[in-house]
Protein backbone atom coordinates (compact mmCIF):
# COMPACT_ATOMS: atom_id res chain seq x y z
CA MET A 1 0.43 0.13 -0.02
CA THR A 2 1.58 3.29 -1.06
CA ASN A 3 1.60 6.40 1.48
CA ALA A 4 -1.28 7.96 -0.45
CA GLU A 5 -3.54 5.02 0.39
CA ASN A 6 -2.55 5.10 4.00
CA ARG A 7 -3.29 8.99 4.19
CA THR A 8 -6.19 9.44 6.49
CA ARG A 9 -9.28 11.96 5.11
CA CYS A 10 -12.03 13.70 7.18
CA GLY A 11 -14.35 16.45 6.64
CA VAL A 12 -17.72 18.27 7.45
CA VAL A 13 -21.26 17.43 5.38
CA ALA A 14 -23.64 19.56 6.25
CA VAL A 15 -27.22 17.75 5.32
CA VAL A 16 -29.55 20.67 4.37
CA GLY A 17 -33.07 20.76 2.92
CA ALA A 18 -36.81 21.49 3.42
CA PRO A 19 -38.75 19.28 6.13
CA ASN A 20 -39.15 16.05 5.15
CA ALA A 21 -37.02 15.28 2.49
CA GLY A 22 -35.07 12.16 4.45
CA LYS A 23 -32.64 14.33 5.77
CA SER A 24 -32.32 11.84 8.98
CA THR A 25 -32.82 8.67 7.61
CA LEU A 26 -30.17 9.18 5.34
CA VAL A 27 -27.70 10.23 8.14
CA ASN A 28 -28.38 7.02 9.87
CA ALA A 29 -28.47 4.97 6.96
CA LEU A 30 -24.86 6.72 5.96
CA VAL A 31 -23.65 6.59 9.95
CA GLY A 32 -25.13 2.67 9.97
CA GLN A 33 -27.17 3.36 13.00
CA LYS A 34 -29.75 5.64 14.38
CA VAL A 35 -28.35 8.96 15.59
CA ALA A 36 -31.53 11.04 14.67
CA ILE A 37 -34.75 10.70 14.81
CA THR A 38 -37.37 10.65 12.33
CA SER A 39 -41.00 10.10 11.40
CA PRO A 40 -43.51 11.38 8.76
CA LYS A 41 -44.20 14.35 10.38
CA ALA A 42 -42.80 17.65 8.90
CA GLN A 43 -39.89 19.56 11.34
CA THR A 44 -39.65 16.39 13.41
CA THR A 45 -35.15 17.34 13.53
CA ARG A 46 -35.13 20.80 15.45
CA THR A 47 -31.53 20.35 16.01
CA ARG A 48 -28.32 19.74 14.58
CA VAL A 49 -27.35 16.26 14.87
CA MET A 50 -23.75 14.97 14.03
CA GLY A 51 -23.44 11.64 12.92
CA LEU A 52 -20.39 9.79 12.32
CA ALA A 53 -19.79 7.53 9.26
CA ILE A 54 -16.42 5.53 8.25
CA GLU A 55 -15.49 4.84 4.98
CA GLY A 56 -12.02 3.20 4.12
CA ASN A 57 -9.40 5.38 5.38
CA THR A 58 -11.91 8.39 5.69
CA GLN A 59 -14.12 9.76 8.26
CA ILE A 60 -17.25 11.95 7.11
CA ILE A 61 -18.57 14.05 9.79
CA LEU A 62 -22.55 14.33 8.62
CA VAL A 63 -24.31 17.37 10.17
CA ASP A 64 -28.15 16.74 9.99
CA THR A 65 -30.02 20.15 9.95
CA PRO A 66 -33.70 20.93 10.91
CA GLY A 67 -35.60 21.47 7.81
CA ILE A 68 -35.31 25.06 6.07
CA PHE A 69 -38.89 26.81 5.87
CA GLU A 70 -40.54 29.99 6.02
CA PRO A 71 -40.53 30.39 10.18
CA LYS A 72 -43.57 31.97 12.06
CA ARG A 73 -42.98 31.33 15.56
CA ARG A 74 -39.91 31.82 17.88
CA LEU A 75 -39.32 27.93 17.55
CA ASP A 76 -39.53 27.87 13.61
CA ARG A 77 -37.00 31.27 13.92
CA ALA A 78 -34.25 29.07 16.18
CA MET A 79 -34.24 25.86 14.19
CA VAL A 80 -34.02 27.55 10.74
CA GLN A 81 -31.01 29.52 12.87
CA ALA A 82 -29.88 25.85 13.43
CA ALA A 83 -30.13 25.01 10.17
CA TRP A 84 -27.86 27.37 8.73
CA GLY A 85 -25.23 27.52 11.24
CA GLY A 86 -25.11 23.84 10.63
CA THR A 87 -23.77 24.89 7.25
CA GLN A 88 -20.88 27.03 8.63
CA ASN A 89 -16.79 25.20 8.23
CA ALA A 90 -18.31 22.47 6.56
CA ASP A 91 -16.21 20.98 3.30
CA LEU A 92 -19.81 20.19 1.30
CA ILE A 93 -22.62 21.22 1.81
CA ALA A 94 -25.69 18.50 0.42
CA LEU A 95 -28.99 19.08 -0.59
CA VAL A 96 -31.40 16.91 0.17
CA ILE A 97 -34.82 17.26 -1.58
CA ASP A 98 -37.59 14.46 -1.91
CA GLY A 99 -37.84 13.12 -5.29
CA LYS A 100 -41.74 11.82 -5.14
CA ALA A 101 -42.72 15.48 -3.78
CA GLY A 102 -40.24 17.54 -6.32
CA LEU A 103 -39.83 21.04 -6.59
CA GLY A 104 -42.07 23.29 -5.27
CA PRO A 105 -42.43 26.48 -2.51
CA LYS A 106 -41.09 24.51 0.21
CA LEU A 107 -37.95 23.76 -1.23
CA GLU A 108 -37.54 27.97 -2.08
CA ARG A 109 -36.11 29.36 0.92
CA ALA A 110 -33.10 26.41 0.71
CA VAL A 111 -32.41 26.99 -2.80
CA GLU A 112 -32.04 30.86 -2.63
CA GLY A 113 -29.74 30.27 0.54
CA LEU A 114 -27.61 28.14 -1.21
CA LYS A 115 -27.36 30.38 -4.13
CA GLU A 116 -25.00 32.65 -2.11
CA ARG A 117 -22.80 29.88 -0.48
CA ARG A 118 -19.52 29.26 -1.94
CA GLU A 119 -18.64 25.91 -0.36
CA ARG A 120 -18.73 23.03 -2.62
CA LYS A 121 -22.38 21.89 -3.28
CA ILE A 122 -23.42 18.35 -3.97
CA LEU A 123 -27.65 17.32 -4.77
CA ILE A 124 -29.14 14.24 -3.63
CA ILE A 125 -32.57 13.68 -5.07
CA ASN A 126 -34.12 11.04 -2.14
CA LYS A 127 -37.16 8.48 -1.81
CA VAL A 128 -35.96 7.46 -5.58
CA ASP A 129 -37.71 4.10 -4.78
CA ILE A 130 -40.99 5.96 -5.13
CA ALA A 131 -40.80 8.56 -7.87
CA THR A 132 -40.68 8.33 -11.49
CA LYS A 133 -37.31 8.59 -13.37
CA GLU A 134 -38.52 10.95 -16.03
CA LYS A 135 -39.41 13.61 -13.01
CA LEU A 136 -35.94 12.84 -11.02
CA LEU A 137 -34.24 13.79 -14.35
CA VAL A 138 -36.08 17.49 -14.15
CA HIS A 139 -35.60 18.06 -10.79
CA ALA A 140 -31.82 17.68 -11.20
CA GLU A 141 -32.01 19.61 -14.43
CA ARG A 142 -33.53 22.60 -12.85
CA LEU A 143 -32.16 23.04 -9.49
CA ASN A 144 -28.67 22.65 -11.50
CA GLU A 145 -29.20 25.72 -13.16
CA LYS A 146 -30.12 27.73 -10.36
CA ILE A 147 -27.61 26.14 -8.05
CA GLY A 148 -24.88 24.81 -9.72
CA PHE A 149 -23.87 21.26 -8.21
CA GLU A 150 -20.74 19.71 -8.69
CA GLU A 151 -22.15 16.18 -8.28
CA ILE A 152 -25.81 14.87 -8.27
CA PHE A 153 -27.05 12.00 -6.62
CA PHE A 154 -29.75 9.69 -6.67
CA VAL A 155 -30.67 7.43 -3.79
CA SER A 156 -33.20 6.05 -1.63
CA ALA A 157 -32.02 6.30 2.13
CA ALA A 158 -34.84 3.98 3.23
CA THR A 159 -34.01 1.32 0.86
CA GLY A 160 -30.43 1.73 0.31
CA ASP A 161 -30.29 2.14 -3.34
CA GLY A 162 -26.99 4.10 -4.23
CA LEU A 163 -26.20 4.76 -0.56
CA PRO A 164 -22.88 2.80 -1.10
CA GLU A 165 -21.62 4.12 -4.23
CA PHE A 166 -22.81 7.63 -3.10
CA LYS A 167 -20.92 7.10 0.57
CA ALA A 168 -17.76 6.12 -1.51
CA HIS A 169 -17.61 9.12 -3.62
CA ILE A 170 -17.99 11.54 -0.83
CA ALA A 171 -15.60 10.19 0.98
CA GLY A 172 -13.54 10.67 -1.91
CA MET A 173 -14.30 14.30 -2.04
CA MET A 174 -12.96 14.83 2.09
CA PRO A 175 -10.20 16.61 2.24
CA GLU A 176 -7.02 14.74 4.17
CA GLY A 177 -6.16 14.98 7.30
CA PRO A 178 -6.56 13.12 10.89
CA TRP A 179 -9.94 12.10 12.35
CA HIS A 180 -11.49 14.12 14.59
CA PHE A 181 -13.24 11.78 16.82
CA PRO A 182 -12.77 7.69 17.79
CA GLU A 183 -13.38 4.95 15.64
CA ASP A 184 -16.07 3.89 17.61
CA GLN A 185 -18.20 6.82 18.35
CA VAL A 186 -21.22 7.52 16.07
CA SER A 187 -22.64 10.77 17.21
CA ASP A 188 -22.14 14.54 19.37
CA ALA A 189 -25.56 13.57 21.03
CA THR A 190 -24.94 12.90 24.88
CA ASP A 191 -27.27 9.36 25.91
CA ARG A 192 -29.20 12.17 28.05
CA MET A 193 -29.92 14.16 24.75
CA LEU A 194 -30.62 10.67 22.88
CA ALA A 195 -33.17 9.64 25.96
CA ALA A 196 -35.52 12.94 25.65
CA GLU A 197 -35.13 12.60 21.41
CA ILE A 198 -36.58 8.85 21.37
CA THR A 199 -39.47 9.92 23.67
CA ARG A 200 -40.38 12.45 21.68
CA GLU A 201 -40.25 10.51 18.40
CA GLN A 202 -42.82 7.58 20.16
CA LEU A 203 -44.99 10.54 21.03
CA TYR A 204 -44.85 11.77 16.81
CA HIS A 205 -44.83 7.99 15.57
CA GLN A 206 -47.82 6.88 18.06
CA LEU A 207 -50.27 9.83 18.28
CA HIS A 208 -49.83 10.95 14.37
CA ALA A 209 -51.65 13.95 13.71
CA GLU A 210 -53.84 13.70 16.89
CA LEU A 211 -50.64 15.63 18.90
CA PRO A 212 -49.90 18.88 17.33
CA TYR A 213 -45.94 19.94 16.52
CA ALA A 214 -45.79 22.02 19.66
CA ALA A 215 -44.40 19.26 22.33
CA ALA A 216 -41.18 18.63 23.64
CA VAL A 217 -39.39 16.39 26.09
CA GLU A 218 -37.12 17.54 29.14
CA THR A 219 -34.87 15.01 30.54
CA GLU A 220 -35.64 15.75 34.35
CA LYS A 221 -33.36 13.23 35.80
CA TYR A 222 -30.60 10.94 34.42
CA THR A 223 -28.83 8.48 37.05
CA GLU A 224 -27.38 5.32 37.18
CA ARG A 225 -28.61 2.93 39.66
CA PRO A 226 -26.36 0.81 41.60
CA ASP A 227 -26.97 -2.23 39.60
CA GLY A 228 -25.67 -0.39 36.23
CA SER A 229 -29.15 0.14 34.71
CA LEU A 230 -30.53 4.08 34.17
CA GLU A 231 -33.11 5.58 35.42
CA ILE A 232 -34.51 8.28 33.40
CA HIS A 233 -37.77 11.08 34.65
CA GLN A 234 -39.01 12.87 31.79
CA GLN A 235 -41.44 15.64 31.20
CA ILE A 236 -43.74 15.67 27.93
CA LEU A 237 -44.00 19.77 27.64
CA ILE A 238 -47.67 20.35 25.87
CA ALA A 239 -49.18 23.61 25.01
CA ARG A 240 -53.29 23.12 25.99
CA PRO A 241 -54.99 20.79 28.51
CA THR A 242 -56.59 19.22 25.85
CA GLN A 243 -53.58 17.85 24.69
CA ARG A 244 -53.21 16.03 28.31
CA ALA A 245 -56.13 13.47 27.74
CA ILE A 246 -54.26 12.73 23.86
CA VAL A 247 -50.62 12.08 25.40
CA LEU A 248 -52.56 10.05 28.43
CA GLY A 249 -54.88 7.84 26.20
CA LYS A 250 -57.89 5.79 27.94
CA ASN A 251 -56.88 5.09 31.44
CA GLY A 252 -53.16 6.23 30.64
CA GLN A 253 -52.65 3.09 28.28
CA ARG A 254 -51.36 5.90 25.59
CA LEU A 255 -48.55 7.12 27.86
CA LYS A 256 -47.53 3.72 29.42
CA GLN A 257 -47.22 2.67 25.56
CA ILE A 258 -44.79 5.40 24.52
CA GLY A 259 -42.69 4.75 27.75
CA SER A 260 -42.76 1.28 27.00
CA GLN A 261 -41.17 1.56 23.32
CA ALA A 262 -39.18 4.61 23.99
CA ARG A 263 -37.71 2.06 27.15
CA ALA A 264 -37.19 -0.64 24.81
CA GLU A 265 -35.12 1.35 22.00
CA LEU A 266 -33.38 3.22 24.32
CA ALA A 267 -31.97 0.04 26.27
CA ALA A 268 -31.09 -1.41 22.99
CA LEU A 269 -29.25 1.74 21.19
CA ILE A 270 -27.62 2.83 25.02
CA GLY A 271 -26.40 -1.01 25.81
CA LYS A 272 -28.23 -0.97 29.50
CA PRO A 273 -31.16 -2.08 30.89
CA VAL A 274 -33.49 1.42 31.36
CA HIS A 275 -36.27 2.51 34.00
CA LEU A 276 -38.25 5.22 32.68
CA TYR A 277 -40.81 7.71 33.81
CA LEU A 278 -42.99 9.65 31.73
CA HIS A 279 -44.95 12.65 32.75
CA VAL A 280 -47.50 14.95 31.07
CA LYS A 281 -47.20 18.66 31.93
CA VAL A 282 -49.48 21.68 30.58
CA LYS A 283 -47.04 24.26 29.72
CA GLU A 284 -48.58 26.83 27.41
CA ASN A 285 -45.87 29.05 26.54
CA TRP A 286 -43.22 26.70 26.71
CA GLU A 287 -41.91 27.86 23.22
CA ASP A 288 -41.09 31.10 24.69
CA ASP A 289 -39.23 29.33 28.13
CA ARG A 290 -35.08 30.18 27.05
CA SER A 291 -34.41 26.94 29.49
CA VAL A 292 -36.26 24.59 26.94
CA TYR A 293 -34.80 25.67 24.48
CA ARG A 294 -31.37 25.36 25.96
CA ASP A 295 -32.02 21.80 27.48
CA ILE A 296 -33.12 20.35 23.70
CA GLY A 297 -29.93 22.12 21.99
CA LEU A 298 -31.41 25.43 20.27
CA ASP A 299 -29.75 29.13 20.77
CA TRP A 300 -32.59 31.53 21.83
CA VAL A 301 -33.40 34.03 19.23
CA GLU A 302 -35.79 37.13 19.50
């Protein structure tokens, strides 16, 4: 093996796009395990999440960002700010679009923002397994005219179509240099943060359209018991009293199911038994509480 082949590479890829383009599913697939939660609900990702993928002698630092959209509330503004903040110091910006949904108003803010960026840019057209080939090519051509991408990739993060080739290609685009993180690390998220995100994911999966977007999960207590198991207490914050009954369900069964699923997934991810205690709290103006933003990893914006 030559010295050139021995050299390590390491770089940052910022993954951006409109809500529901499949960014988090893509990052999880490239990392090889879950580092970001996913759901069909728009704006599931609220903060920057970093996933670490390895390809040969290359470490790829993937920054999964919230969807870029027209912000209407303080939380929206904080999320969009976090999305653009995730592109700072990136070696490569990857715009992900939903190949089935195609182009439209949802993409405009991301496209306009990217026009001004000087970083290297690539286009990833996702969900090719459920889109028509002719439309995919039209999407690629139109977006390329507006932004001018270095490369265009067609993938399905859900099925894995095109991902091995994509991963190998972007590894080759990373600059030479030492790895920034240990080989066995997959994310920058702490277990405490992950615990809150997994519970929030279960809220979205199990309640679907019943629960409005405005819900948050705070981890109040996260301690290790003498037997090595974890004891976690979390608060589910909702904006209105009527939503409390939705989360609890009949005789508290829905909340028990949310807790059961979240506990099982956390135990599998962390590799320890988990004792999870959930409480539902009505906090009408939680979106205006600085401490909530700090807990979920967002900067406070005016």
